[in-house]
Protein backbone atom coordinates (compact mmCIF):
# COMPACT_ATOMS: atom_id res chain seq x y z
CA MET A 1 0.01 0.00 0.06
CA LYS A 2 2.73 2.39 0.78
CA PHE A 3 4.43 1.60 -2.46
CA LEU A 4 1.10 2.40 -4.33
CA LYS A 5 0.76 5.71 -2.40
CA LYS A 6 4.22 6.75 -3.25
CA LEU A 7 3.85 5.87 -6.95
CA ALA A 8 0.50 7.80 -7.11
CA CYS A 9 1.97 10.88 -5.43
CA ALA A 10 4.99 10.72 -7.94
CA ALA A 11 2.53 10.14 -10.95
CA ALA A 12 0.53 13.15 -9.81
CA VAL A 13 3.49 15.43 -9.63
CA ALA A 14 4.66 14.15 -12.99
CA MET A 15 1.27 14.88 -14.50
CA SER A 16 1.19 18.40 -13.09
CA PHE A 17 4.63 19.15 -14.71
CA ALA A 18 3.61 17.46 -17.90
CA GLY A 19 0.20 18.90 -18.33
CA SER A 20 1.14 22.06 -20.17
CA ALA A 21 4.23 20.62 -21.98
CA ASN A 22 2.37 17.57 -23.25
CA ALA A 23 -1.14 18.93 -23.46
CA ALA A 24 -1.55 17.71 -27.00
CA THR A 25 0.20 14.31 -26.44
CA VAL A 26 -2.77 11.92 -26.59
CA MET A 27 -4.47 11.96 -29.93
CA ASN A 28 -8.18 12.68 -29.89
CA ASP A 29 -10.75 12.51 -32.77
CA TRP A 30 -8.31 10.51 -34.88
CA VAL A 31 -9.76 8.39 -37.67
CA PHE A 32 -9.54 4.67 -38.15
CA ASN A 33 -10.61 2.79 -41.28
CA PRO A 34 -10.60 -0.91 -40.61
CA ILE A 35 -10.63 -1.92 -44.34
CA GLY A 36 -7.91 0.49 -45.29
CA THR A 37 -9.93 2.42 -47.97
CA GLY A 38 -9.03 5.92 -46.80
CA PHE A 39 -10.00 8.76 -44.58
CA ALA A 40 -13.43 9.48 -45.96
CA ALA A 41 -14.80 6.02 -45.03
CA GLY A 42 -13.21 5.88 -41.72
CA GLN A 43 -14.64 6.14 -38.11
CA THR A 44 -13.75 8.89 -35.77
CA VAL A 45 -11.90 7.55 -32.70
CA LYS A 46 -12.56 9.93 -29.71
CA GLU A 47 -9.51 8.53 -27.88
CA SER A 48 -9.11 4.67 -27.95
CA LEU A 49 -9.76 1.29 -29.64
CA ASP A 50 -11.31 -1.32 -27.36
CA VAL A 51 -9.28 -4.49 -27.10
CA ASN A 52 -9.82 -7.91 -25.49
CA GLY A 53 -7.83 -11.13 -25.57
CA ASN A 54 -5.82 -13.72 -23.79
CA ALA A 55 -1.99 -13.96 -22.83
CA PHE A 56 0.20 -16.70 -21.89
CA ILE A 57 3.12 -15.82 -19.49
CA GLN A 58 6.26 -17.90 -18.94
CA ILE A 59 8.16 -16.86 -15.93
CA THR A 60 11.76 -17.77 -14.97
CA PRO A 61 13.23 -16.97 -11.49
CA THR A 62 16.48 -15.12 -11.66
CA GLY A 63 17.19 -14.44 -8.01
CA ALA A 64 15.69 -14.89 -4.50
CA ASN A 65 12.74 -12.62 -5.37
CA SER A 66 13.21 -11.52 -8.96
CA PHE A 67 12.23 -13.10 -12.22
CA SER A 68 12.29 -12.62 -16.00
CA PHE A 69 9.28 -13.39 -18.26
CA THR A 70 8.14 -13.77 -21.85
CA GLU A 71 4.45 -13.02 -22.82
CA HIS A 72 2.66 -14.11 -25.97
CA ALA A 73 -0.92 -12.56 -26.39
CA VAL A 74 -3.70 -12.39 -28.93
CA PHE A 75 -6.13 -9.60 -29.19
CA ASN A 76 -9.47 -8.84 -30.89
CA ILE A 77 -10.05 -5.20 -31.61
CA VAL A 78 -13.68 -4.83 -31.90
CA GLN A 79 -14.73 -1.19 -31.88
CA ALA A 80 -13.73 2.36 -31.13
CA ASP A 81 -14.47 3.88 -27.69
CA ALA A 82 -17.31 1.40 -26.89
CA ASN A 83 -19.51 3.22 -29.39
CA GLY A 84 -21.38 -0.13 -30.50
CA LYS A 85 -20.21 0.28 -34.15
CA LEU A 86 -18.44 -3.03 -34.31
CA PHE A 87 -16.00 -3.25 -37.11
CA PRO A 88 -17.10 -6.51 -38.65
CA VAL A 89 -20.70 -5.46 -38.76
CA ASN A 90 -20.26 -1.90 -39.89
CA TYR A 91 -17.32 -2.75 -42.04
CA PRO A 92 -17.71 -6.18 -43.82
CA GLY A 93 -14.26 -7.60 -43.93
CA GLY A 94 -12.95 -5.37 -41.37
CA ASN A 95 -12.15 -7.73 -38.62
CA ILE A 96 -9.02 -6.33 -36.63
CA THR A 97 -6.87 -8.49 -34.56
CA ALA A 98 -3.36 -8.16 -32.96
CA THR A 99 -0.58 -10.28 -31.57
CA PHE A 100 1.82 -9.28 -28.80
CA VAL A 101 5.12 -10.71 -27.95
CA GLY A 102 6.92 -9.08 -24.98
CA ALA A 103 9.69 -9.76 -22.43
CA GLY A 104 10.72 -8.14 -19.14
CA ASN A 105 11.71 -8.44 -15.50
CA GLY A 106 10.07 -8.14 -12.27
CA THR A 107 9.99 -8.83 -8.48
CA PHE A 108 7.60 -11.21 -6.92
CA ASN A 109 5.00 -9.41 -4.81
CA GLY A 110 6.27 -6.27 -6.48
CA ALA A 111 6.36 -4.74 -9.79
CA PHE A 112 7.28 -5.76 -13.32
CA SER A 113 8.22 -3.83 -16.46
CA PHE A 114 8.84 -4.65 -20.24
CA THR A 115 12.14 -4.51 -21.88
CA GLY A 116 10.95 -4.90 -25.36
CA GLY A 117 8.64 -6.64 -27.70
CA THR A 118 6.53 -6.26 -30.75
CA ILE A 119 2.77 -5.48 -31.46
CA ARG A 120 1.50 -6.53 -34.91
CA MET A 121 -2.09 -5.60 -36.04
CA TYR A 122 -3.96 -7.38 -38.87
CA GLN A 123 -7.01 -6.72 -40.96
CA ASN A 124 -8.61 -9.96 -41.80
CA PRO A 125 -11.08 -9.86 -44.86
CA THR A 126 -12.72 -13.14 -43.49
CA ASN A 127 -15.01 -12.45 -40.54
CA ASN A 128 -15.23 -14.64 -37.41
CA GLN A 129 -11.85 -16.27 -37.54
CA TYR A 130 -10.62 -14.91 -34.18
CA GLY A 131 -10.72 -17.70 -31.64
CA SER A 132 -10.28 -20.32 -34.16
CA THR A 133 -7.52 -22.74 -34.89
CA ASP A 134 -6.46 -20.88 -38.09
CA GLY A 135 -2.96 -19.05 -37.58
CA PHE A 136 -2.41 -18.25 -33.92
CA TYR A 137 -6.07 -18.32 -32.51
CA GLY A 138 -7.01 -16.54 -35.64
CA ALA A 139 -5.17 -13.34 -34.64
CA ASN A 140 -2.47 -13.23 -37.30
CA LEU A 141 -4.39 -13.76 -40.42
CA GLY A 142 -5.11 -11.41 -43.36
CA ASN A 143 -3.08 -8.21 -43.99
CA GLU A 144 -0.63 -7.06 -41.52
CA ILE A 145 -1.50 -3.18 -41.31
CA ALA A 146 0.79 -1.98 -38.38
CA THR A 147 3.87 -2.93 -36.50
CA PHE A 148 4.70 -1.24 -33.12
CA THR A 149 7.99 -1.74 -31.28
CA VAL A 150 7.45 -2.10 -27.53
CA MET A 151 9.56 0.36 -25.40
CA ALA A 152 11.21 -0.16 -22.15
CA GLY A 153 8.96 0.61 -19.11
CA GLY A 154 5.28 0.06 -18.52
CA GLY A 155 4.21 -2.97 -16.73
CA GLY A 156 2.30 -3.14 -13.40
CA LEU A 157 2.13 -5.07 -10.11
CA VAL A 158 2.29 -8.77 -9.51
CA ASP A 159 1.48 -11.23 -6.74
CA ALA A 160 3.71 -13.82 -5.08
CA SER A 161 3.31 -16.07 -8.23
CA GLY A 162 4.22 -13.54 -10.66
CA SER A 163 0.84 -13.11 -11.99
CA PRO A 164 -0.61 -9.60 -12.30
CA THR A 165 -2.72 -8.62 -9.27
CA ASN A 166 -6.43 -9.42 -9.70
CA ASN A 167 -7.92 -6.94 -12.25
CA GLY A 168 -4.41 -5.42 -12.28
CA GLN A 169 -3.66 -2.55 -14.73
CA VAL A 170 -0.98 -3.50 -17.21
CA THR A 171 0.46 -0.74 -19.28
CA VAL A 172 2.38 -1.08 -22.60
CA PHE A 173 4.23 1.74 -24.44
CA ALA A 174 5.15 1.25 -28.02
CA LYS A 175 6.20 3.22 -31.12
CA ALA A 176 5.63 2.96 -34.75
CA ASP A 177 8.24 4.58 -37.05
CA THR A 178 7.45 6.10 -40.41
CA GLY A 179 6.41 3.46 -42.83
CA THR A 180 5.37 0.77 -40.21
CA LEU A 181 1.78 1.64 -40.49
CA ASP A 182 0.05 0.87 -43.78
CA ALA A 183 -1.39 3.73 -45.69
CA GLY A 184 -5.27 4.01 -45.73
CA TYR A 185 -5.95 2.93 -41.97
CA PHE A 186 -4.79 5.50 -39.54
CA PHE A 187 -5.44 9.33 -40.02
CA ARG A 188 -5.34 12.45 -38.01
CA GLU A 189 -8.73 14.35 -37.80
CA ASN A 190 -7.64 16.58 -40.72
CA GLY A 191 -7.11 13.79 -43.05
CA ASP A 192 -3.27 13.36 -42.88
CA ASP A 193 -2.28 9.66 -43.19
CA LEU A 194 -0.34 8.62 -40.09
CA SER A 195 1.73 6.09 -42.10
CA LEU A 196 3.89 9.04 -43.04
CA GLU A 197 4.80 9.93 -39.38
CA SER A 198 6.28 8.32 -36.30
CA ILE A 199 3.84 7.94 -33.56
CA LEU A 200 3.55 6.46 -30.04
CA ALA A 201 0.99 3.90 -28.85
CA PHE A 202 0.07 2.76 -25.44
CA ALA A 203 -2.42 0.38 -23.88
CA PHE A 204 -4.05 0.09 -20.51
CA THR A 205 -5.34 -3.43 -20.12
CA ASN A 206 -7.03 -5.08 -17.05
CA ALA A 207 -5.48 -8.58 -16.55
CA ASN A 208 -7.06 -11.42 -14.62
CA THR A 209 -5.75 -14.95 -14.28
CA VAL A 210 -7.58 -17.60 -16.26
CA GLY A 211 -7.73 -20.79 -14.15
CA ARG A 212 -9.11 -22.95 -16.77
CA PRO A 213 -8.32 -21.80 -20.39
CA ASP A 214 -10.13 -23.96 -22.96
CA GLY A 215 -8.28 -26.49 -25.19
CA VAL A 216 -8.23 -24.18 -28.20
CA GLN A 217 -6.56 -21.41 -26.17
CA VAL A 218 -3.91 -23.80 -24.76
CA SER A 219 -3.18 -25.35 -28.09
CA GLU A 220 -3.04 -22.17 -30.05
CA ILE A 221 -1.58 -19.64 -27.69
CA ALA A 222 0.75 -21.64 -25.38
CA CYS A 223 1.71 -24.56 -27.57
CA GLU A 224 1.82 -23.05 -31.00
CA PHE A 225 2.46 -19.41 -30.54
CA ALA A 226 4.61 -19.45 -27.49
CA GLY A 227 6.17 -22.77 -28.21
CA PHE A 228 5.44 -24.02 -24.59
CA LYS A 229 6.37 -27.77 -24.02
CA GLY A 230 4.75 -28.29 -20.67
CA ALA A 231 1.52 -29.49 -19.32
CA GLY A 232 -1.22 -29.10 -21.95
CA CYS A 233 1.27 -29.34 -24.70
CA ASN A 234 2.80 -32.82 -23.98
CA GLY A 235 -0.22 -35.00 -23.74
CA THR A 236 -1.25 -33.98 -20.30
CA GLY A 237 -3.85 -31.66 -18.96
CA TYR A 238 -2.94 -27.96 -18.77
CA ALA A 239 -2.84 -26.23 -15.38
CA ASN A 240 -1.32 -22.77 -14.43
CA GLY A 241 1.99 -23.43 -12.49
CA PRO A 242 4.81 -21.53 -10.91
CA GLY A 243 6.31 -20.76 -14.22
CA ASN A 244 3.35 -20.60 -16.59
CA ILE A 245 0.07 -18.35 -16.35
CA PHE A 246 -2.76 -17.69 -18.59
CA LEU A 247 -4.46 -14.25 -18.35
CA GLY A 248 -7.63 -12.66 -19.71
CA ASN A 249 -7.24 -9.04 -20.87
CA ASN A 250 -9.45 -6.17 -21.86
CA GLY A 251 -8.66 -2.52 -22.25
CA GLN A 252 -7.93 0.41 -24.58
CA PHE A 253 -5.30 0.99 -27.30
CA LYS A 254 -4.50 4.75 -27.84
CA LEU A 255 -2.19 6.69 -29.99
CA ALA A 256 -0.09 9.69 -29.08
CA GLU A 257 2.34 12.27 -30.42
CA VAL A 258 6.03 11.60 -30.03
CA PRO A 259 7.06 13.97 -27.27
CA GLU A 260 10.47 15.67 -26.87
CA PRO A 261 13.15 13.14 -25.90
CA GLY A 262 13.65 14.70 -22.53
CA SER A 263 9.94 14.36 -21.58
CA LEU A 264 9.32 10.98 -22.71
CA ALA A 265 10.24 9.31 -19.38
CA LEU A 266 8.02 11.85 -17.53
CA PHE A 267 5.11 11.08 -20.04
CA GLY A 268 5.42 7.36 -19.17
CA ILE A 269 5.37 7.98 -15.51
CA ALA A 270 2.27 10.17 -15.75
CA LEU A 271 0.45 7.65 -17.85
CA LEU A 272 1.29 4.86 -15.40
CA GLY A 273 0.03 7.05 -12.61
CA ALA A 274 -3.12 7.82 -14.51
CA GLY A 275 -3.77 3.95 -14.94
CA PHE A 276 -3.44 3.45 -10.97
CA VAL A 277 -5.84 6.33 -10.41
CA SER A 278 -8.48 4.80 -12.81
CA ARG A 279 -8.10 1.42 -11.12
CA LYS A 280 -8.55 3.02 -7.71
CA ARG A 281 -11.72 4.77 -8.88
CA ALA A 282 -13.14 1.65 -10.31
CA LYS A 283 -12.75 -0.17 -7.01
CA LYS A 284 -14.72 2.54 -5.23
CA ALA A 285 -17.53 2.55 -7.58
């Protein structure tokens, strides 16, 4: 609790300093076209895309209380800002999915952070393949429309097993350099195509342990995508253990301007603090 209070205070201070300097950091009213046909047919995103998915974490102890980890995750990106305009319904052939591979370090009963990784987004012309046995759980099919490189930092809090705390807030920071977004999908509100720029992305997801992932999730995400060789992938039944955990995730994916180099770390602290504040308010509701 003391750690959380100190972090919240630090984040509040960071946000107060970052407020004026980074007032335009988070992109609002940007436009996303899930079938890549340009700005005019796109949908305005007030701030975020809604995401949900599953992650498989492999944990390796590195000391008395420390560990390293790798994460393989799949996501379905269903709509913008929970507005009910589902991409596959409103845009036939616009099913958007993503894969995430990340690595990092942490402390049991403490915090963890990422050291690197990759987010890949896909536009699949065939609807309803997410959750299937095609590709990796149907998440990497169709056209790869964006690649983001995960930046050092982010993360969240974990329990004694290394699993994110129940309904824990996990933060990921990433960057897309010029040319790593396909043209025709991502736009500023004035119509400028973001494929011609470098931008930041960040995601806040709530993570919860999945005690009994179904057979398709185990086969597709753990065995095939992550290359896991343990229980569930060797002819025996799967179970979460000290070194392997399944998570369910849901949250938001946002875009941001690339800040000045000196303010990037401050920006990260401020966003992390905002995530903790959001979680605290949600618990009070």
